[in-house]
């Protein structure tokens, strides 16, 4: 069985092969490697963050994710949403989000 066949379709949707090779040098990094990599991105993206006044509940979280997906943004790679904060990989992505949400 190839490494590609051992990964679920959900995993392959989130972690696209080319991005995984570029980021990790392999298709199946450990959970620790992935956690460290995406935490480092979270820290790097501090300049492009939006803090919400309240903690985001699950229904608002899904609404936000839907809007971001409509923009073509991918969770973890293009943005990360944690507690009451969202961080983007760049100013353009953050600006588009602000436009479609009326600046909130």
PDB file of N, CA and C in Angstrom:
ATOM      1  N   UNK A   1       0.850  -1.178   0.000  1.00  0.00           N
ATOM      2  CA  UNK A   1       0.000   0.000   0.000  1.00  0.00           C
ATOM      3  C   UNK A   1       0.894   1.239   0.000  1.00  0.00           C
ATOM      4  N   UNK A   2       0.609   2.174  -0.850  1.00  0.00           N
ATOM      5  CA  UNK A   2       1.409   3.395  -0.924  1.00  0.00           C
ATOM      6  C   UNK A   2       1.028   4.333   0.215  1.00  0.00           C
ATOM      7  N   UNK A   3       1.933   5.286   0.501  1.00  0.00           N
ATOM      8  CA  UNK A   3       1.638   6.260   1.554  1.00  0.00           C
ATOM      9  C   UNK A   3       0.404   7.064   1.207  1.00  0.00           C
ATOM     10  N   UNK A   4       0.224   7.380  -0.074  1.00  0.00           N
ATOM     11  CA  UNK A   4      -0.929   8.163  -0.495  1.00  0.00           C
ATOM     12  C   UNK A   4      -2.227   7.407  -0.202  1.00  0.00           C
ATOM     13  N   UNK A   5      -2.218   6.100  -0.425  1.00  0.00           N
ATOM     14  CA  UNK A   5      -3.422   5.305  -0.207  1.00  0.00           C
ATOM     15  C   UNK A   5      -3.758   5.185   1.274  1.00  0.00           C
ATOM     16  N   UNK A   6      -2.765   5.335   2.158  1.00  0.00           N
ATOM     17  CA  UNK A   6      -3.022   5.170   3.586  1.00  0.00           C
ATOM     18  C   UNK A   6      -3.587   6.429   4.235  1.00  0.00           C
ATOM     19  N   UNK A   7      -3.676   7.513   3.490  1.00  0.00           N
ATOM     20  CA  UNK A   7      -4.215   8.766   4.027  1.00  0.00           C
ATOM     21  C   UNK A   7      -5.676   8.893   3.620  1.00  0.00           C
ATOM     22  N   UNK A   8      -6.512   9.363   4.526  1.00  0.00           N
ATOM     23  CA  UNK A   8      -7.942   9.501   4.238  1.00  0.00           C
ATOM     24  C   UNK A   8      -8.184  10.636   3.255  1.00  0.00           C
ATOM     25  N   UNK A   9      -9.361  10.636   2.646  1.00  0.00           N
ATOM     26  CA  UNK A   9      -9.709  11.699   1.700  1.00  0.00           C
ATOM     27  C   UNK A   9      -9.809  13.048   2.417  1.00  0.00           C
ATOM     28  N   UNK A  10     -10.273  13.046   3.657  1.00  0.00           N
ATOM     29  CA  UNK A  10     -10.349  14.293   4.429  1.00  0.00           C
ATOM     30  C   UNK A  10      -8.946  14.838   4.674  1.00  0.00           C
ATOM     31  N   UNK A  11      -8.044  13.972   5.084  1.00  0.00           N
ATOM     32  CA  UNK A  11      -6.652  14.363   5.309  1.00  0.00           C
ATOM     33  C   UNK A  11      -6.069  14.959   4.030  1.00  0.00           C
ATOM     34  N   UNK A  12      -6.302  14.291   2.900  1.00  0.00           N
ATOM     35  CA  UNK A  12      -5.741  14.762   1.624  1.00  0.00           C
ATOM     36  C   UNK A  12      -6.370  16.077   1.176  1.00  0.00           C
ATOM     37  N   UNK A  13      -7.614  16.346   1.572  1.00  0.00           N
ATOM     38  CA  UNK A  13      -8.241  17.636   1.256  1.00  0.00           C
ATOM     39  C   UNK A  13      -7.613  18.766   2.064  1.00  0.00           C
ATOM     40  N   UNK A  14      -7.314  18.492   3.306  1.00  0.00           N
ATOM     41  CA  UNK A  14      -6.726  19.509   4.183  1.00  0.00           C
ATOM     42  C   UNK A  14      -5.236  19.668   3.902  1.00  0.00           C
ATOM     43  N   UNK A  15      -4.564  18.554   3.756  1.00  0.00           N
ATOM     44  CA  UNK A  15      -3.118  18.540   3.588  1.00  0.00           C
ATOM     45  C   UNK A  15      -2.765  18.079   2.173  1.00  0.00           C
ATOM     46  N   UNK A  16      -2.807  19.003   1.245  1.00  0.00           N
ATOM     47  CA  UNK A  16      -2.538  18.715  -0.171  1.00  0.00           C
ATOM     48  C   UNK A  16      -1.071  18.305  -0.336  1.00  0.00           C
ATOM     49  N   UNK A  17      -0.862  17.293  -1.173  1.00  0.00           N
ATOM     50  CA  UNK A  17       0.469  16.699  -1.320  1.00  0.00           C
ATOM     51  C   UNK A  17       1.571  17.726  -1.565  1.00  0.00           C
ATOM     52  N   UNK A  18       1.405  18.600  -2.536  1.00  0.00           N
ATOM     53  CA  UNK A  18       2.450  19.566  -2.873  1.00  0.00           C
ATOM     54  C   UNK A  18       2.789  20.467  -1.675  1.00  0.00           C
ATOM     55  N   UNK A  19       1.768  20.893  -0.950  1.00  0.00           N
ATOM     56  CA  UNK A  19       1.998  21.750   0.220  1.00  0.00           C
ATOM     57  C   UNK A  19       2.710  20.990   1.328  1.00  0.00           C
ATOM     58  N   UNK A  20       2.346  19.733   1.499  1.00  0.00           N
ATOM     59  CA  UNK A  20       2.987  18.929   2.538  1.00  0.00           C
ATOM     60  C   UNK A  20       4.458  18.699   2.220  1.00  0.00           C
ATOM     61  N   UNK A  21       4.752  18.403   0.967  1.00  0.00           N
ATOM     62  CA  UNK A  21       6.140  18.198   0.561  1.00  0.00           C
ATOM     63  C   UNK A  21       6.930  19.487   0.763  1.00  0.00           C
ATOM     64  N   UNK A  22       6.343  20.613   0.360  1.00  0.00           N
ATOM     65  CA  UNK A  22       7.024  21.900   0.502  1.00  0.00           C
ATOM     66  C   UNK A  22       7.242  22.250   1.981  1.00  0.00           C
ATOM     67  N   UNK A  23       6.238  22.038   2.798  1.00  0.00           N
ATOM     68  CA  UNK A  23       6.325  22.421   4.214  1.00  0.00           C
ATOM     69  C   UNK A  23       7.143  21.446   5.049  1.00  0.00           C
ATOM     70  N   UNK A  24       6.988  20.149   4.779  1.00  0.00           N
ATOM     71  CA  UNK A  24       7.575  19.138   5.658  1.00  0.00           C
ATOM     72  C   UNK A  24       8.599  18.226   4.988  1.00  0.00           C
ATOM     73  N   UNK A  25       8.625  18.238   3.659  1.00  0.00           N
ATOM     74  CA  UNK A  25       9.531  17.338   2.955  1.00  0.00           C
ATOM     75  C   UNK A  25       9.010  15.917   2.863  1.00  0.00           C
ATOM     76  N   UNK A  26       7.751  15.705   3.287  1.00  0.00           N
ATOM     77  CA  UNK A  26       7.132  14.383   3.251  1.00  0.00           C
ATOM     78  C   UNK A  26       5.623  14.539   3.331  1.00  0.00           C
ATOM     79  N   UNK A  27       4.915  13.470   3.013  1.00  0.00           N
ATOM     80  CA  UNK A  27       3.451  13.518   3.004  1.00  0.00           C
ATOM     81  C   UNK A  27       2.830  13.271   4.372  1.00  0.00           C
ATOM     82  N   UNK A  28       3.514  12.551   5.216  1.00  0.00           N
ATOM     83  CA  UNK A  28       2.940  12.159   6.506  1.00  0.00           C
ATOM     84  C   UNK A  28       3.795  12.610   7.684  1.00  0.00           C
ATOM     85  N   UNK A  29       3.871  13.909   7.941  1.00  0.00           N
ATOM     86  CA  UNK A  29       4.605  14.343   9.128  1.00  0.00           C
ATOM     87  C   UNK A  29       3.858  13.905  10.388  1.00  0.00           C
ATOM     88  N   UNK A  30       4.577  13.847  11.470  1.00  0.00           N
ATOM     89  CA  UNK A  30       3.954  13.458  12.732  1.00  0.00           C
ATOM     90  C   UNK A  30       3.018  14.569  13.214  1.00  0.00           C
ATOM     91  N   UNK A  31       2.159  14.230  14.145  1.00  0.00           N
ATOM     92  CA  UNK A  31       1.259  15.215  14.744  1.00  0.00           C
ATOM     93  C   UNK A  31       2.090  16.339  15.382  1.00  0.00           C
ATOM     94  N   UNK A  32       3.171  15.986  16.021  1.00  0.00           N
ATOM     95  CA  UNK A  32       4.045  16.978  16.646  1.00  0.00           C
ATOM     96  C   UNK A  32       4.628  17.930  15.604  1.00  0.00           C
ATOM     97  N   UNK A  33       5.063  17.396  14.474  1.00  0.00           N
ATOM     98  CA  UNK A  33       5.616  18.239  13.409  1.00  0.00           C
ATOM     99  C   UNK A  33       4.554  19.186  12.852  1.00  0.00           C
ATOM    100  N   UNK A  34       3.355  18.655  12.611  1.00  0.00           N
ATOM    101  CA  UNK A  34       2.272  19.505  12.090  1.00  0.00           C
ATOM    102  C   UNK A  34       1.895  20.584  13.100  1.00  0.00           C
ATOM    103  N   UNK A  35       1.758  20.193  14.352  1.00  0.00           N
ATOM    104  CA  UNK A  35       1.383  21.148  15.398  1.00  0.00           C
ATOM    105  C   UNK A  35       2.408  22.276  15.485  1.00  0.00           C
ATOM    106  N   UNK A  36       3.653  21.924  15.480  1.00  0.00           N
ATOM    107  CA  UNK A  36       4.722  22.916  15.570  1.00  0.00           C
ATOM    108  C   UNK A  36       4.701  23.854  14.367  1.00  0.00           C
ATOM    109  N   UNK A  37       4.546  23.290  13.175  1.00  0.00           N
ATOM    110  CA  UNK A  37       4.539  24.087  11.948  1.00  0.00           C
ATOM    111  C   UNK A  37       3.382  25.090  11.946  1.00  0.00           C
ATOM    112  N   UNK A  38       2.175  24.626  12.252  1.00  0.00           N
ATOM    113  CA  UNK A  38       1.017  25.510  12.192  1.00  0.00           C
ATOM    114  C   UNK A  38       0.991  26.490  13.372  1.00  0.00           C
ATOM    115  N   UNK A  39       1.569  26.124  14.498  1.00  0.00           N
ATOM    116  CA  UNK A  39       1.713  27.082  15.589  1.00  0.00           C
ATOM    117  C   UNK A  39       2.677  28.194  15.180  1.00  0.00           C
ATOM    118  N   UNK A  40       3.760  27.828  14.520  1.00  0.00           N
ATOM    119  CA  UNK A  40       4.705  28.846  14.035  1.00  0.00           C
ATOM    120  C   UNK A  40       4.024  29.807  13.066  1.00  0.00           C
ATOM    121  N   UNK A  41       3.161  29.278  12.186  1.00  0.00           N
ATOM    122  CA  UNK A  41       2.414  30.159  11.282  1.00  0.00           C
ATOM    123  C   UNK A  41       1.510  31.094  12.083  1.00  0.00           C
ATOM    124  N   UNK A  42       0.821  30.557  13.071  1.00  0.00           N
ATOM    125  CA  UNK A  42      -0.049  31.365  13.932  1.00  0.00           C
ATOM    126  C   UNK A  42       0.741  32.541  14.519  1.00  0.00           C
ATOM    127  N   UNK A  43       1.915  32.267  14.995  1.00  0.00           N
ATOM    128  CA  UNK A  43       2.736  33.317  15.592  1.00  0.00           C
ATOM    129  C   UNK A  43       3.201  34.324  14.532  1.00  0.00           C
ATOM    130  N   UNK A  44       3.562  33.858  13.353  1.00  0.00           N
ATOM    131  CA  UNK A  44       4.016  34.740  12.274  1.00  0.00           C
ATOM    132  C   UNK A  44       2.896  35.640  11.766  1.00  0.00           C
ATOM    133  N   UNK A  45       1.670  35.182  11.833  1.00  0.00           N
ATOM    134  CA  UNK A  45       0.532  35.903  11.257  1.00  0.00           C
ATOM    135  C   UNK A  45      -0.077  36.921  12.234  1.00  0.00           C
ATOM    136  N   UNK A  46       0.579  37.211  13.305  1.00  0.00           N
ATOM    137  CA  UNK A  46       0.027  38.115  14.324  1.00  0.00           C
ATOM    138  C   UNK A  46      -0.347  39.476  13.744  1.00  0.00           C
ATOM    139  N   UNK A  47       0.397  39.955  12.779  1.00  0.00           N
ATOM    140  CA  UNK A  47       0.125  41.271  12.165  1.00  0.00           C
ATOM    141  C   UNK A  47      -1.199  41.303  11.415  1.00  0.00           C
ATOM    142  N   UNK A  48      -1.672  40.139  11.021  1.00  0.00           N
ATOM    143  CA  UNK A  48      -2.897  40.052  10.218  1.00  0.00           C
ATOM    144  C   UNK A  48      -4.001  39.363  11.012  1.00  0.00           C
ATOM    145  N   UNK A  49      -4.288  39.909  12.166  1.00  0.00           N
ATOM    146  CA  UNK A  49      -5.282  39.273  13.029  1.00  0.00           C
ATOM    147  C   UNK A  49      -6.484  40.187  13.243  1.00  0.00           C
ATOM    148  N   UNK A  50      -7.592  39.534  13.509  1.00  0.00           N
ATOM    149  CA  UNK A  50      -8.814  40.222  13.895  1.00  0.00           C
ATOM    150  C   UNK A  50      -9.256  39.576  15.204  1.00  0.00           C
ATOM    151  N   UNK A  51      -9.438  40.400  16.222  1.00  0.00           N
ATOM    152  CA  UNK A  51      -9.922  39.911  17.513  1.00  0.00           C
ATOM    153  C   UNK A  51     -11.392  40.282  17.630  1.00  0.00           C
ATOM    154  N   UNK A  52     -12.190  39.313  18.011  1.00  0.00           N
ATOM    155  CA  UNK A  52     -13.612  39.525  18.220  1.00  0.00           C
ATOM    156  C   UNK A  52     -13.847  39.863  19.691  1.00  0.00           C
ATOM    157  N   UNK A  53     -14.891  40.634  19.950  1.00  0.00           N
ATOM    158  CA  UNK A  53     -15.188  41.060  21.321  1.00  0.00           C
ATOM    159  C   UNK A  53     -15.613  39.899  22.220  1.00  0.00           C
ATOM    160  N   UNK A  54     -16.164  38.873  21.612  1.00  0.00           N
ATOM    161  CA  UNK A  54     -16.633  37.726  22.387  1.00  0.00           C
ATOM    162  C   UNK A  54     -16.044  36.443  21.813  1.00  0.00           C
ATOM    163  N   UNK A  55     -16.064  35.418  22.611  1.00  0.00           N
ATOM    164  CA  UNK A  55     -15.621  34.097  22.146  1.00  0.00           C
ATOM    165  C   UNK A  55     -16.607  33.615  21.089  1.00  0.00           C
ATOM    166  N   UNK A  56     -16.098  33.069  20.019  1.00  0.00           N
ATOM    167  CA  UNK A  56     -16.924  32.644  18.895  1.00  0.00           C
ATOM    168  C   UNK A  56     -17.519  31.268  19.202  1.00  0.00           C
ATOM    169  N   UNK A  57     -18.860  31.166  19.120  1.00  0.00           N
ATOM    170  CA  UNK A  57     -19.490  29.871  19.358  1.00  0.00           C
ATOM    171  C   UNK A  57     -19.443  29.031  18.077  1.00  0.00           C
ATOM    172  N   UNK A  58     -19.863  27.784  18.159  1.00  0.00           N
ATOM    173  CA  UNK A  58     -19.715  26.858  17.036  1.00  0.00           C
ATOM    174  C   UNK A  58     -20.511  27.281  15.804  1.00  0.00           C
ATOM    175  N   UNK A  59     -21.696  27.867  15.981  1.00  0.00           N
ATOM    176  CA  UNK A  59     -22.472  28.276  14.805  1.00  0.00           C
ATOM    177  C   UNK A  59     -21.812  29.467  14.101  1.00  0.00           C
ATOM    178  N   UNK A  60     -21.280  30.411  14.877  1.00  0.00           N
ATOM    179  CA  UNK A  60     -20.559  31.534  14.267  1.00  0.00           C
ATOM    180  C   UNK A  60     -19.271  31.051  13.611  1.00  0.00           C
ATOM    181  N   UNK A  61     -18.619  30.099  14.246  1.00  0.00           N
ATOM    182  CA  UNK A  61     -17.379  29.534  13.699  1.00  0.00           C
ATOM    183  C   UNK A  61     -17.642  28.923  12.316  1.00  0.00           C
ATOM    184  N   UNK A  62     -18.712  28.171  12.193  1.00  0.00           N
ATOM    185  CA  UNK A  62     -19.027  27.544  10.897  1.00  0.00           C
ATOM    186  C   UNK A  62     -19.404  28.592   9.853  1.00  0.00           C
ATOM    187  N   UNK A  63     -20.114  29.630  10.279  1.00  0.00           N
ATOM    188  CA  UNK A  63     -20.476  30.725   9.364  1.00  0.00           C
ATOM    189  C   UNK A  63     -19.215  31.425   8.851  1.00  0.00           C
ATOM    190  N   UNK A  64     -18.277  31.678   9.734  1.00  0.00           N
ATOM    191  CA  UNK A  64     -17.014  32.311   9.352  1.00  0.00           C
ATOM    192  C   UNK A  64     -16.242  31.416   8.392  1.00  0.00           C
ATOM    193  N   UNK A  65     -16.144  30.144   8.717  1.00  0.00           N
ATOM    194  CA  UNK A  65     -15.420  29.206   7.854  1.00  0.00           C
ATOM    195  C   UNK A  65     -16.047  29.111   6.466  1.00  0.00           C
ATOM    196  N   UNK A  66     -17.371  29.157   6.407  1.00  0.00           N
ATOM    197  CA  UNK A  66     -18.070  29.115   5.116  1.00  0.00           C
ATOM    198  C   UNK A  66     -17.707  30.334   4.276  1.00  0.00           C
ATOM    199  N   UNK A  67     -17.709  31.507   4.886  1.00  0.00           N
ATOM    200  CA  UNK A  67     -17.347  32.733   4.162  1.00  0.00           C
ATOM    201  C   UNK A  67     -15.905  32.683   3.677  1.00  0.00           C
ATOM    202  N   UNK A  68     -15.022  32.176   4.515  1.00  0.00           N
ATOM    203  CA  UNK A  68     -13.617  32.072   4.130  1.00  0.00           C
ATOM    204  C   UNK A  68     -13.419  31.071   2.998  1.00  0.00           C
ATOM    205  N   UNK A  69     -14.154  29.984   3.053  1.00  0.00           N
ATOM    206  CA  UNK A  69     -14.071  28.991   1.984  1.00  0.00           C
ATOM    207  C   UNK A  69     -14.570  29.585   0.670  1.00  0.00           C
ATOM    208  N   UNK A  70     -15.614  30.407   0.722  1.00  0.00           N
ATOM    209  CA  UNK A  70     -16.130  31.072  -0.472  1.00  0.00           C
ATOM    210  C   UNK A  70     -15.084  32.003  -1.082  1.00  0.00           C
ATOM    211  N   UNK A  71     -14.208  32.525  -0.257  1.00  0.00           N
ATOM    212  CA  UNK A  71     -13.110  33.362  -0.741  1.00  0.00           C
ATOM    213  C   UNK A  71     -11.954  32.530  -1.300  1.00  0.00           C
ATOM    214  N   UNK A  72     -12.061  31.219  -1.139  1.00  0.00           N
ATOM    215  CA  UNK A  72     -10.995  30.336  -1.602  1.00  0.00           C
ATOM    216  C   UNK A  72      -9.884  30.144  -0.585  1.00  0.00           C
ATOM    217  N   UNK A  73     -10.134  30.555   0.653  1.00  0.00           N
ATOM    218  CA  UNK A  73      -9.123  30.409   1.703  1.00  0.00           C
ATOM    219  C   UNK A  73      -9.259  29.060   2.386  1.00  0.00           C
ATOM    220  N   UNK A  74      -8.127  28.496   2.746  1.00  0.00           N
ATOM    221  CA  UNK A  74      -8.106  27.175   3.368  1.00  0.00           C
ATOM    222  C   UNK A  74      -7.609  27.258   4.802  1.00  0.00           C
ATOM    223  N   UNK A  75      -8.356  26.593   5.670  1.00  0.00           N
ATOM    224  CA  UNK A  75      -8.001  26.592   7.082  1.00  0.00           C
ATOM    225  C   UNK A  75      -6.608  25.999   7.276  1.00  0.00           C
ATOM    226  N   UNK A  76      -5.892  26.534   8.210  1.00  0.00           N
ATOM    227  CA  UNK A  76      -4.512  26.225   8.567  1.00  0.00           C
ATOM    228  C   UNK A  76      -3.515  26.859   7.608  1.00  0.00           C
ATOM    229  N   UNK A  77      -3.727  26.722   6.318  1.00  0.00           N
ATOM    230  CA  UNK A  77      -2.773  27.216   5.322  1.00  0.00           C
ATOM    231  C   UNK A  77      -2.947  28.713   5.038  1.00  0.00           C
ATOM    232  N   UNK A  78      -4.180  29.192   5.036  1.00  0.00           N
ATOM    233  CA  UNK A  78      -4.461  30.591   4.701  1.00  0.00           C
ATOM    234  C   UNK A  78      -4.971  31.390   5.900  1.00  0.00           C
ATOM    235  N   UNK A  79      -5.565  30.725   6.843  1.00  0.00           N
ATOM    236  CA  UNK A  79      -6.074  31.372   8.049  1.00  0.00           C
ATOM    237  C   UNK A  79      -6.162  30.342   9.163  1.00  0.00           C
ATOM    238  N   UNK A  80      -6.208  30.864  10.392  1.00  0.00           N
ATOM    239  CA  UNK A  80      -6.445  30.020  11.561  1.00  0.00           C
ATOM    240  C   UNK A  80      -7.402  30.767  12.485  1.00  0.00           C
ATOM    241  N   UNK A  81      -8.370  30.044  12.975  1.00  0.00           N
ATOM    242  CA  UNK A  81      -9.411  30.597  13.838  1.00  0.00           C
ATOM    243  C   UNK A  81      -9.330  29.898  15.190  1.00  0.00           C
ATOM    244  N   UNK A  82      -9.039  30.686  16.230  1.00  0.00           N
ATOM    245  CA  UNK A  82      -8.918  30.133  17.585  1.00  0.00           C
ATOM    246  C   UNK A  82      -9.594  31.067  18.566  1.00  0.00           C
ATOM    247  N   UNK A  83     -10.408  30.495  19.416  1.00  0.00           N
ATOM    248  CA  UNK A  83     -11.121  31.243  20.451  1.00  0.00           C
ATOM    249  C   UNK A  83     -11.810  32.475  19.864  1.00  0.00           C
ATOM    250  N   UNK A  84     -11.347  33.656  20.210  1.00  0.00           N
ATOM    251  CA  UNK A  84     -12.006  34.873  19.718  1.00  0.00           C
ATOM    252  C   UNK A  84     -11.123  35.637  18.727  1.00  0.00           C
ATOM    253  N   UNK A  85     -10.276  34.915  18.010  1.00  0.00           N
ATOM    254  CA  UNK A  85      -9.323  35.550  17.119  1.00  0.00           C
ATOM    255  C   UNK A  85      -9.153  34.753  15.831  1.00  0.00           C
ATOM    256  N   UNK A  86      -8.987  35.480  14.742  1.00  0.00           N
ATOM    257  CA  UNK A  86      -8.665  34.861  13.467  1.00  0.00           C
ATOM    258  C   UNK A  86      -7.408  35.527  12.933  1.00  0.00           C
ATOM    259  N   UNK A  87      -6.514  34.732  12.407  1.00  0.00           N
ATOM    260  CA  UNK A  87      -5.279  35.250  11.822  1.00  0.00           C
ATOM    261  C   UNK A  87      -5.182  34.769  10.383  1.00  0.00           C
ATOM    262  N   UNK A  88      -4.689  35.676   9.547  1.00  0.00           N
ATOM    263  CA  UNK A  88      -4.569  35.410   8.117  1.00  0.00           C
ATOM    264  C   UNK A  88      -3.107  35.393   7.707  1.00  0.00           C
ATOM    265  N   UNK A  89      -2.839  34.712   6.612  1.00  0.00           N
ATOM    266  CA  UNK A  89      -1.451  34.630   6.143  1.00  0.00           C
ATOM    267  C   UNK A  89      -0.973  35.941   5.545  1.00  0.00           C
ATOM    268  N   UNK A  90      -1.912  36.802   5.105  1.00  0.00           N
ATOM    269  CA  UNK A  90      -1.499  38.061   4.496  1.00  0.00           C
ATOM    270  C   UNK A  90      -2.597  39.116   4.637  1.00  0.00           C
ATOM    271  N   UNK A  91      -2.204  40.349   4.383  1.00  0.00           N
ATOM    272  CA  UNK A  91      -3.122  41.481   4.527  1.00  0.00           C
ATOM    273  C   UNK A  91      -4.274  41.407   3.531  1.00  0.00           C
ATOM    274  N   UNK A  92      -4.012  40.897   2.342  1.00  0.00           N
ATOM    275  CA  UNK A  92      -5.056  40.798   1.315  1.00  0.00           C
ATOM    276  C   UNK A  92      -6.187  39.881   1.762  1.00  0.00           C
ATOM    277  N   UNK A  93      -5.851  38.735   2.306  1.00  0.00           N
ATOM    278  CA  UNK A  93      -6.873  37.798   2.785  1.00  0.00           C
ATOM    279  C   UNK A  93      -7.691  38.417   3.902  1.00  0.00           C
ATOM    280  N   UNK A  94      -7.022  39.118   4.817  1.00  0.00           N
ATOM    281  CA  UNK A  94      -7.721  39.776   5.911  1.00  0.00           C
ATOM    282  C   UNK A  94      -8.650  40.862   5.375  1.00  0.00           C
ATOM    283  N   UNK A  95      -8.189  41.614   4.384  1.00  0.00           N
ATOM    284  CA  UNK A  95      -9.008  42.683   3.809  1.00  0.00           C
ATOM    285  C   UNK A  95     -10.253  42.121   3.131  1.00  0.00           C
ATOM    286  N   UNK A  96     -10.107  41.038   2.377  1.00  0.00           N
ATOM    287  CA  UNK A  96     -11.271  40.428   1.725  1.00  0.00           C
ATOM    288  C   UNK A  96     -12.282  39.950   2.762  1.00  0.00           C
ATOM    289  N   UNK A  97     -11.795  39.370   3.847  1.00  0.00           N
ATOM    290  CA  UNK A  97     -12.692  38.930   4.908  1.00  0.00           C
ATOM    291  C   UNK A  97     -13.446  40.120   5.493  1.00  0.00           C
ATOM    292  N   UNK A  98     -12.746  41.211   5.729  1.00  0.00           N
ATOM    293  CA  UNK A  98     -13.379  42.406   6.280  1.00  0.00           C
ATOM    294  C   UNK A  98     -14.443  42.946   5.322  1.00  0.00           C
ATOM    295  N   UNK A  99     -14.164  42.895   4.037  1.00  0.00           N
ATOM    296  CA  UNK A  99     -15.115  43.383   3.047  1.00  0.00           C
ATOM    297  C   UNK A  99     -16.404  42.564   3.066  1.00  0.00           C
ATOM    298  N   UNK A 100     -16.258  41.230   3.059  1.00  0.00           N
ATOM    299  CA  UNK A 100     -17.467  40.398   2.982  1.00  0.00           C
ATOM    300  C   UNK A 100     -18.242  40.344   4.293  1.00  0.00           C
ATOM    301  N   UNK A 101     -17.595  40.734   5.391  1.00  0.00           N
ATOM    302  CA  UNK A 101     -18.303  40.716   6.679  1.00  0.00           C
ATOM    303  C   UNK A 101     -18.662  42.114   7.146  1.00  0.00           C
ATOM    304  N   UNK A 102     -18.457  43.105   6.319  1.00  0.00           N
ATOM    305  CA  UNK A 102     -18.781  44.468   6.695  1.00  0.00           C
ATOM    306  C   UNK A 102     -17.818  45.070   7.689  1.00  0.00           C
ATOM    307  N   UNK A 103     -16.596  44.553   7.699  1.00  0.00           N
ATOM    308  CA  UNK A 103     -15.563  45.112   8.572  1.00  0.00           C
ATOM    309  C   UNK A 103     -15.493  44.519   9.953  1.00  0.00           C
ATOM    310  N   UNK A 104     -16.319  43.525  10.228  1.00  0.00           N
ATOM    311  CA  UNK A 104     -16.313  42.900  11.560  1.00  0.00           C
ATOM    312  C   UNK A 104     -15.262  41.825  11.658  1.00  0.00           C
TER     313      UNK A 104
END
